[in-house]
Amino acid sequence: MSTRGGGEGIAHILWELKAGKSALDVCKAYGISAEALESWRKDYGGLAPSEIDRSWRVEEDAVLRRTLGGSRR
């Protein structure tokens, strides 16, 4: 399973971790680093997939605003 599924992918991975799978097993199964898993757990641990997607959109909008800066009129 790829995390390209958006919020649903990350939510599923975090659900497996919460269900008792070891972090090492989850990382190996999905090809992710332990650092990424820990970051997702801290950032998205209690969120539903739709809330994770919304969080990503808000973050992307903020990056675009910083990147475009004063060039938008």
PDB file of N, CA and C in Angstrom:
ATOM      1  N   MET A   1       0.841  -1.178   0.000  1.00  0.00           N
ATOM      2  CA  MET A   1       0.000   0.000   0.000  1.00  0.00           C
ATOM      3  C   MET A   1       0.883   1.236   0.000  1.00  0.00           C
ATOM      4  N   SER A   2       0.528   2.169  -0.818  1.00  0.00           N
ATOM      5  CA  SER A   2       1.263   3.417  -0.907  1.00  0.00           C
ATOM      6  C   SER A   2       0.564   4.479  -0.078  1.00  0.00           C
ATOM      7  N   THR A   3       1.338   5.428   0.423  1.00  0.00           N
ATOM      8  CA  THR A   3       0.730   6.525   1.165  1.00  0.00           C
ATOM      9  C   THR A   3       0.172   7.561   0.210  1.00  0.00           C
ATOM     10  N   ARG A   4       0.293   7.335  -1.081  1.00  0.00           N
ATOM     11  CA  ARG A   4      -0.265   8.262  -2.059  1.00  0.00           C
ATOM     12  C   ARG A   4      -1.783   8.263  -2.003  1.00  0.00           C
ATOM     13  N   GLY A   5      -2.350   7.377  -1.229  1.00  0.00           N
ATOM     14  CA  GLY A   5      -3.787   7.351  -1.048  1.00  0.00           C
ATOM     15  C   GLY A   5      -4.261   8.513  -0.195  1.00  0.00           C
ATOM     16  N   GLY A   6      -3.359   9.361   0.212  1.00  0.00           N
ATOM     17  CA  GLY A   6      -3.702  10.527   0.997  1.00  0.00           C
ATOM     18  C   GLY A   6      -3.985  10.176   2.439  1.00  0.00           C
ATOM     19  N   GLY A   7      -4.969  10.862   2.986  1.00  0.00           N
ATOM     20  CA  GLY A   7      -5.297  10.684   4.385  1.00  0.00           C
ATOM     21  C   GLY A   7      -5.692   9.267   4.735  1.00  0.00           C
ATOM     22  N   GLU A   8      -6.348   8.593   3.797  1.00  0.00           N
ATOM     23  CA  GLU A   8      -6.765   7.217   4.069  1.00  0.00           C
ATOM     24  C   GLU A   8      -5.561   6.296   4.236  1.00  0.00           C
ATOM     25  N   GLY A   9      -4.532   6.504   3.428  1.00  0.00           N
ATOM     26  CA  GLY A   9      -3.335   5.672   3.524  1.00  0.00           C
ATOM     27  C   GLY A   9      -2.633   5.844   4.861  1.00  0.00           C
ATOM     28  N   ILE A  10      -2.440   7.091   5.256  1.00  0.00           N
ATOM     29  CA  ILE A  10      -1.775   7.352   6.534  1.00  0.00           C
ATOM     30  C   ILE A  10      -2.652   6.880   7.688  1.00  0.00           C
ATOM     31  N   ALA A  11      -3.946   7.116   7.615  1.00  0.00           N
ATOM     32  CA  ALA A  11      -4.844   6.676   8.685  1.00  0.00           C
ATOM     33  C   ALA A  11      -4.791   5.162   8.838  1.00  0.00           C
ATOM     34  N   HIS A  12      -4.722   4.438   7.718  1.00  0.00           N
ATOM     35  CA  HIS A  12      -4.655   2.978   7.781  1.00  0.00           C
ATOM     36  C   HIS A  12      -3.344   2.527   8.435  1.00  0.00           C
ATOM     37  N   ILE A  13      -2.253   3.165   8.059  1.00  0.00           N
ATOM     38  CA  ILE A  13      -0.957   2.817   8.643  1.00  0.00           C
ATOM     39  C   ILE A  13      -0.976   3.073  10.147  1.00  0.00           C
ATOM     40  N   LEU A  14      -1.503   4.221  10.553  1.00  0.00           N
ATOM     41  CA  LEU A  14      -1.561   4.540  11.985  1.00  0.00           C
ATOM     42  C   LEU A  14      -2.509   3.603  12.724  1.00  0.00           C
ATOM     43  N   TRP A  15      -3.584   3.175  12.054  1.00  0.00           N
ATOM     44  CA  TRP A  15      -4.514   2.226  12.668  1.00  0.00           C
ATOM     45  C   TRP A  15      -3.796   0.906  12.942  1.00  0.00           C
ATOM     46  N   GLU A  16      -2.985   0.438  11.978  1.00  0.00           N
ATOM     47  CA  GLU A  16      -2.247  -0.812  12.186  1.00  0.00           C
ATOM     48  C   GLU A  16      -1.305  -0.689  13.376  1.00  0.00           C
ATOM     49  N   LEU A  17      -0.660   0.455  13.494  1.00  0.00           N
ATOM     50  CA  LEU A  17       0.247   0.677  14.621  1.00  0.00           C
ATOM     51  C   LEU A  17      -0.523   0.637  15.939  1.00  0.00           C
ATOM     52  N   LYS A  18      -1.677   1.285  15.949  1.00  0.00           N
ATOM     53  CA  LYS A  18      -2.504   1.324  17.158  1.00  0.00           C
ATOM     54  C   LYS A  18      -3.082  -0.054  17.492  1.00  0.00           C
ATOM     55  N   ALA A  19      -3.306  -0.864  16.453  1.00  0.00           N
ATOM     56  CA  ALA A  19      -3.884  -2.194  16.649  1.00  0.00           C
ATOM     57  C   ALA A  19      -2.880  -3.189  17.226  1.00  0.00           C
ATOM     58  N   GLY A  20      -1.621  -2.765  17.345  1.00  0.00           N
ATOM     59  CA  GLY A  20      -0.666  -3.638  17.998  1.00  0.00           C
ATOM     60  C   GLY A  20       0.509  -4.088  17.150  1.00  0.00           C
ATOM     61  N   LYS A  21       0.523  -3.757  15.871  1.00  0.00           N
ATOM     62  CA  LYS A  21       1.676  -4.111  15.053  1.00  0.00           C
ATOM     63  C   LYS A  21       2.869  -3.294  15.510  1.00  0.00           C
ATOM     64  N   SER A  22       4.037  -3.886  15.459  1.00  0.00           N
ATOM     65  CA  SER A  22       5.230  -3.151  15.881  1.00  0.00           C
ATOM     66  C   SER A  22       5.577  -2.088  14.835  1.00  0.00           C
ATOM     67  N   ALA A  23       6.213  -1.021  15.287  1.00  0.00           N
ATOM     68  CA  ALA A  23       6.603   0.069  14.390  1.00  0.00           C
ATOM     69  C   ALA A  23       7.535  -0.455  13.299  1.00  0.00           C
ATOM     70  N   LEU A  24       8.430  -1.362  13.657  1.00  0.00           N
ATOM     71  CA  LEU A  24       9.361  -1.926  12.684  1.00  0.00           C
ATOM     72  C   LEU A  24       8.617  -2.686  11.587  1.00  0.00           C
ATOM     73  N   ASP A  25       7.632  -3.483  11.977  1.00  0.00           N
ATOM     74  CA  ASP A  25       6.855  -4.238  10.996  1.00  0.00           C
ATOM     75  C   ASP A  25       6.075  -3.311  10.065  1.00  0.00           C
ATOM     76  N   VAL A  26       5.487  -2.265  10.627  1.00  0.00           N
ATOM     77  CA  VAL A  26       4.723  -1.315   9.827  1.00  0.00           C
ATOM     78  C   VAL A  26       5.652  -0.602   8.842  1.00  0.00           C
ATOM     79  N   CYS A  27       6.803  -0.169   9.307  1.00  0.00           N
ATOM     80  CA  CYS A  27       7.759   0.521   8.441  1.00  0.00           C
ATOM     81  C   CYS A  27       8.213  -0.373   7.295  1.00  0.00           C
ATOM     82  N   LYS A  28       8.515  -1.624   7.601  1.00  0.00           N
ATOM     83  CA  LYS A  28       8.947  -2.562   6.562  1.00  0.00           C
ATOM     84  C   LYS A  28       7.828  -2.831   5.563  1.00  0.00           C
ATOM     85  N   ALA A  29       6.616  -3.008   6.061  1.00  0.00           N
ATOM     86  CA  ALA A  29       5.489  -3.343   5.191  1.00  0.00           C
ATOM     87  C   ALA A  29       5.176  -2.227   4.198  1.00  0.00           C
ATOM     88  N   TYR A  30       5.363  -0.981   4.598  1.00  0.00           N
ATOM     89  CA  TYR A  30       4.992   0.149   3.741  1.00  0.00           C
ATOM     90  C   TYR A  30       6.188   0.897   3.164  1.00  0.00           C
ATOM     91  N   GLY A  31       7.390   0.455   3.522  1.00  0.00           N
ATOM     92  CA  GLY A  31       8.584   1.080   2.967  1.00  0.00           C
ATOM     93  C   GLY A  31       8.778   2.518   3.412  1.00  0.00           C
ATOM     94  N   ILE A  32       8.487   2.778   4.678  1.00  0.00           N
ATOM     95  CA  ILE A  32       8.654   4.127   5.206  1.00  0.00           C
ATOM     96  C   ILE A  32       9.684   4.103   6.332  1.00  0.00           C
ATOM     97  N   SER A  33      10.219   5.266   6.639  1.00  0.00           N
ATOM     98  CA  SER A  33      11.218   5.338   7.708  1.00  0.00           C
ATOM     99  C   SER A  33      10.522   5.452   9.065  1.00  0.00           C
ATOM    100  N   ALA A  34      11.254   5.088  10.087  1.00  0.00           N
ATOM    101  CA  ALA A  34      10.726   5.215  11.448  1.00  0.00           C
ATOM    102  C   ALA A  34      10.458   6.681  11.779  1.00  0.00           C
ATOM    103  N   GLU A  35      11.284   7.586  11.238  1.00  0.00           N
ATOM    104  CA  GLU A  35      11.094   9.017  11.477  1.00  0.00           C
ATOM    105  C   GLU A  35       9.780   9.509  10.864  1.00  0.00           C
ATOM    106  N   ALA A  36       9.478   9.042   9.649  1.00  0.00           N
ATOM    107  CA  ALA A  36       8.221   9.429   8.999  1.00  0.00           C
ATOM    108  C   ALA A  36       7.029   8.911   9.806  1.00  0.00           C
ATOM    109  N   LEU A  37       7.111   7.667  10.237  1.00  0.00           N
ATOM    110  CA  LEU A  37       6.019   7.082  11.019  1.00  0.00           C
ATOM    111  C   LEU A  37       5.787   7.862  12.311  1.00  0.00           C
ATOM    112  N   GLU A  38       6.855   8.204  12.996  1.00  0.00           N
ATOM    113  CA  GLU A  38       6.732   8.956  14.244  1.00  0.00           C
ATOM    114  C   GLU A  38       6.158  10.351  13.990  1.00  0.00           C
ATOM    115  N   SER A  39       6.593  10.977  12.919  1.00  0.00           N
ATOM    116  CA  SER A  39       6.082  12.301  12.569  1.00  0.00           C
ATOM    117  C   SER A  39       4.578  12.231  12.271  1.00  0.00           C
ATOM    118  N   TRP A  40       4.164  11.233  11.496  1.00  0.00           N
ATOM    119  CA  TRP A  40       2.742  11.067  11.192  1.00  0.00           C
ATOM    120  C   TRP A  40       1.952  10.794  12.462  1.00  0.00           C
ATOM    121  N   ARG A  41       2.514   9.960  13.336  1.00  0.00           N
ATOM    122  CA  ARG A  41       1.813   9.630  14.577  1.00  0.00           C
ATOM    123  C   ARG A  41       1.578  10.892  15.406  1.00  0.00           C
ATOM    124  N   LYS A  42       2.596  11.742  15.493  1.00  0.00           N
ATOM    125  CA  LYS A  42       2.459  12.980  16.269  1.00  0.00           C
ATOM    126  C   LYS A  42       1.505  13.968  15.596  1.00  0.00           C
ATOM    127  N   ASP A  43       1.607  14.092  14.273  1.00  0.00           N
ATOM    128  CA  ASP A  43       0.813  15.092  13.551  1.00  0.00           C
ATOM    129  C   ASP A  43      -0.628  14.662  13.308  1.00  0.00           C
ATOM    130  N   TYR A  44      -0.843  13.380  13.010  1.00  0.00           N
ATOM    131  CA  TYR A  44      -2.153  12.915  12.553  1.00  0.00           C
ATOM    132  C   TYR A  44      -2.764  11.819  13.408  1.00  0.00           C
ATOM    133  N   GLY A  45      -2.163  11.501  14.553  1.00  0.00           N
ATOM    134  CA  GLY A  45      -2.575  10.371  15.366  1.00  0.00           C
ATOM    135  C   GLY A  45      -4.056  10.223  15.632  1.00  0.00           C
ATOM    136  N   GLY A  46      -4.746  11.278  15.963  1.00  0.00           N
ATOM    137  CA  GLY A  46      -6.156  11.149  16.309  1.00  0.00           C
ATOM    138  C   GLY A  46      -7.107  11.654  15.251  1.00  0.00           C
ATOM    139  N   LEU A  47      -6.602  11.908  14.037  1.00  0.00           N
ATOM    140  CA  LEU A  47      -7.434  12.503  12.999  1.00  0.00           C
ATOM    141  C   LEU A  47      -8.044  11.466  12.071  1.00  0.00           C
ATOM    142  N   ALA A  48      -9.208  11.795  11.542  1.00  0.00           N
ATOM    143  CA  ALA A  48      -9.850  10.967  10.523  1.00  0.00           C
ATOM    144  C   ALA A  48      -9.174  11.247   9.178  1.00  0.00           C
ATOM    145  N   PRO A  49      -9.310  10.337   8.210  1.00  0.00           N
ATOM    146  CA  PRO A  49      -8.684  10.554   6.900  1.00  0.00           C
ATOM    147  C   PRO A  49      -9.037  11.896   6.264  1.00  0.00           C
ATOM    148  N   SER A  50     -10.280  12.312   6.357  1.00  0.00           N
ATOM    149  CA  SER A  50     -10.669  13.596   5.756  1.00  0.00           C
ATOM    150  C   SER A  50      -9.983  14.769   6.460  1.00  0.00           C
ATOM    151  N   GLU A  51      -9.766  14.648   7.754  1.00  0.00           N
ATOM    152  CA  GLU A  51      -9.073  15.703   8.485  1.00  0.00           C
ATOM    153  C   GLU A  51      -7.597  15.760   8.107  1.00  0.00           C
ATOM    154  N   ILE A  52      -6.994  14.593   7.833  1.00  0.00           N
ATOM    155  CA  ILE A  52      -5.605  14.548   7.383  1.00  0.00           C
ATOM    156  C   ILE A  52      -5.492  15.235   6.027  1.00  0.00           C
ATOM    157  N   ASP A  53      -6.412  14.938   5.114  1.00  0.00           N
ATOM    158  CA  ASP A  53      -6.399  15.577   3.796  1.00  0.00           C
ATOM    159  C   ASP A  53      -6.548  17.088   3.919  1.00  0.00           C
ATOM    160  N   ARG A  54      -7.435  17.535   4.797  1.00  0.00           N
ATOM    161  CA  ARG A  54      -7.634  18.972   4.995  1.00  0.00           C
ATOM    162  C   ARG A  54      -6.364  19.618   5.537  1.00  0.00           C
ATOM    163  N   SER A  55      -5.701  18.950   6.452  1.00  0.00           N
ATOM    164  CA  SER A  55      -4.456  19.462   7.019  1.00  0.00           C
ATOM    165  C   SER A  55      -3.407  19.633   5.925  1.00  0.00           C
ATOM    166  N   TRP A  56      -3.324  18.671   5.010  1.00  0.00           N
ATOM    167  CA  TRP A  56      -2.374  18.765   3.893  1.00  0.00           C
ATOM    168  C   TRP A  56      -2.705  19.958   3.011  1.00  0.00           C
ATOM    169  N   ARG A  57      -4.002  20.156   2.700  1.00  0.00           N
ATOM    170  CA  ARG A  57      -4.392  21.278   1.836  1.00  0.00           C
ATOM    171  C   ARG A  57      -4.036  22.608   2.473  1.00  0.00           C
ATOM    172  N   VAL A  58      -4.266  22.742   3.763  1.00  0.00           N
ATOM    173  CA  VAL A  58      -3.933  23.978   4.467  1.00  0.00           C
ATOM    174  C   VAL A  58      -2.430  24.219   4.413  1.00  0.00           C
ATOM    175  N   GLU A  59      -1.650  23.161   4.620  1.00  0.00           N
ATOM    176  CA  GLU A  59      -0.196  23.284   4.580  1.00  0.00           C
ATOM    177  C   GLU A  59       0.290  23.662   3.179  1.00  0.00           C
ATOM    178  N   GLU A  60      -0.279  23.032   2.145  1.00  0.00           N
ATOM    179  CA  GLU A  60       0.107  23.357   0.770  1.00  0.00           C
ATOM    180  C   GLU A  60      -0.233  24.799   0.430  1.00  0.00           C
ATOM    181  N   ASP A  61      -1.388  25.278   0.873  1.00  0.00           N
ATOM    182  CA  ASP A  61      -1.776  26.666   0.632  1.00  0.00           C
ATOM    183  C   ASP A  61      -0.787  27.630   1.278  1.00  0.00           C
ATOM    184  N   ALA A  62      -0.350  27.313   2.479  1.00  0.00           N
ATOM    185  CA  ALA A  62       0.603  28.169   3.184  1.00  0.00           C
ATOM    186  C   ALA A  62       1.936  28.217   2.437  1.00  0.00           C
ATOM    187  N   VAL A  63       2.375  27.070   1.913  1.00  0.00           N
ATOM    188  CA  VAL A  63       3.633  27.028   1.156  1.00  0.00           C
ATOM    189  C   VAL A  63       3.505  27.865  -0.119  1.00  0.00           C
ATOM    190  N   LEU A  64       2.379  27.734  -0.800  1.00  0.00           N
ATOM    191  CA  LEU A  64       2.165  28.522  -2.013  1.00  0.00           C
ATOM    192  C   LEU A  64       2.172  30.016  -1.709  1.00  0.00           C
ATOM    193  N   ARG A  65       1.531  30.403  -0.631  1.00  0.00           N
ATOM    194  CA  ARG A  65       1.505  31.821  -0.271  1.00  0.00           C
ATOM    195  C   ARG A  65       2.909  32.350   0.002  1.00  0.00           C
ATOM    196  N   ARG A  66       3.707  31.546   0.716  1.00  0.00           N
ATOM    197  CA  ARG A  66       5.086  31.970   0.995  1.00  0.00           C
ATOM    198  C   ARG A  66       5.902  32.028  -0.283  1.00  0.00           C
ATOM    199  N   THR A  67       5.708  31.047  -1.165  1.00  0.00           N
ATOM    200  CA  THR A  67       6.478  30.978  -2.405  1.00  0.00           C
ATOM    201  C   THR A  67       6.131  32.133  -3.331  1.00  0.00           C
ATOM    202  N   LEU A  68       4.844  32.391  -3.495  1.00  0.00           N
ATOM    203  CA  LEU A  68       4.411  33.444  -4.406  1.00  0.00           C
ATOM    204  C   LEU A  68       4.589  34.826  -3.786  1.00  0.00           C
ATOM    205  N   GLY A  69       4.498  34.885  -2.499  1.00  0.00           N
ATOM    206  CA  GLY A  69       4.723  36.128  -1.757  1.00  0.00           C
ATOM    207  C   GLY A  69       3.985  37.311  -2.336  1.00  0.00           C
ATOM    208  N   GLY A  70       4.710  38.338  -2.660  1.00  0.00           N
ATOM    209  CA  GLY A  70       4.117  39.581  -3.146  1.00  0.00           C
ATOM    210  C   GLY A  70       3.786  39.583  -4.624  1.00  0.00           C
ATOM    211  N   SER A  71       4.043  38.474  -5.341  1.00  0.00           N
ATOM    212  CA  SER A  71       3.790  38.471  -6.780  1.00  0.00           C
ATOM    213  C   SER A  71       2.307  38.336  -7.122  1.00  0.00           C
ATOM    214  N   ARG A  72       1.480  37.996  -6.139  1.00  0.00           N
ATOM    215  CA  ARG A  72       0.027  37.886  -6.372  1.00  0.00           C
ATOM    216  C   ARG A  72      -0.612  39.235  -6.187  1.00  0.00           C
ATOM    217  N   ARG A  73      -1.507  39.579  -7.080  1.00  0.00           N
ATOM    218  CA  ARG A  73      -2.201  40.878  -6.964  1.00  0.00           C
ATOM    219  C   ARG A  73      -3.675  40.675  -6.964  1.00  0.00           C
TER     220      ARG A  73
END
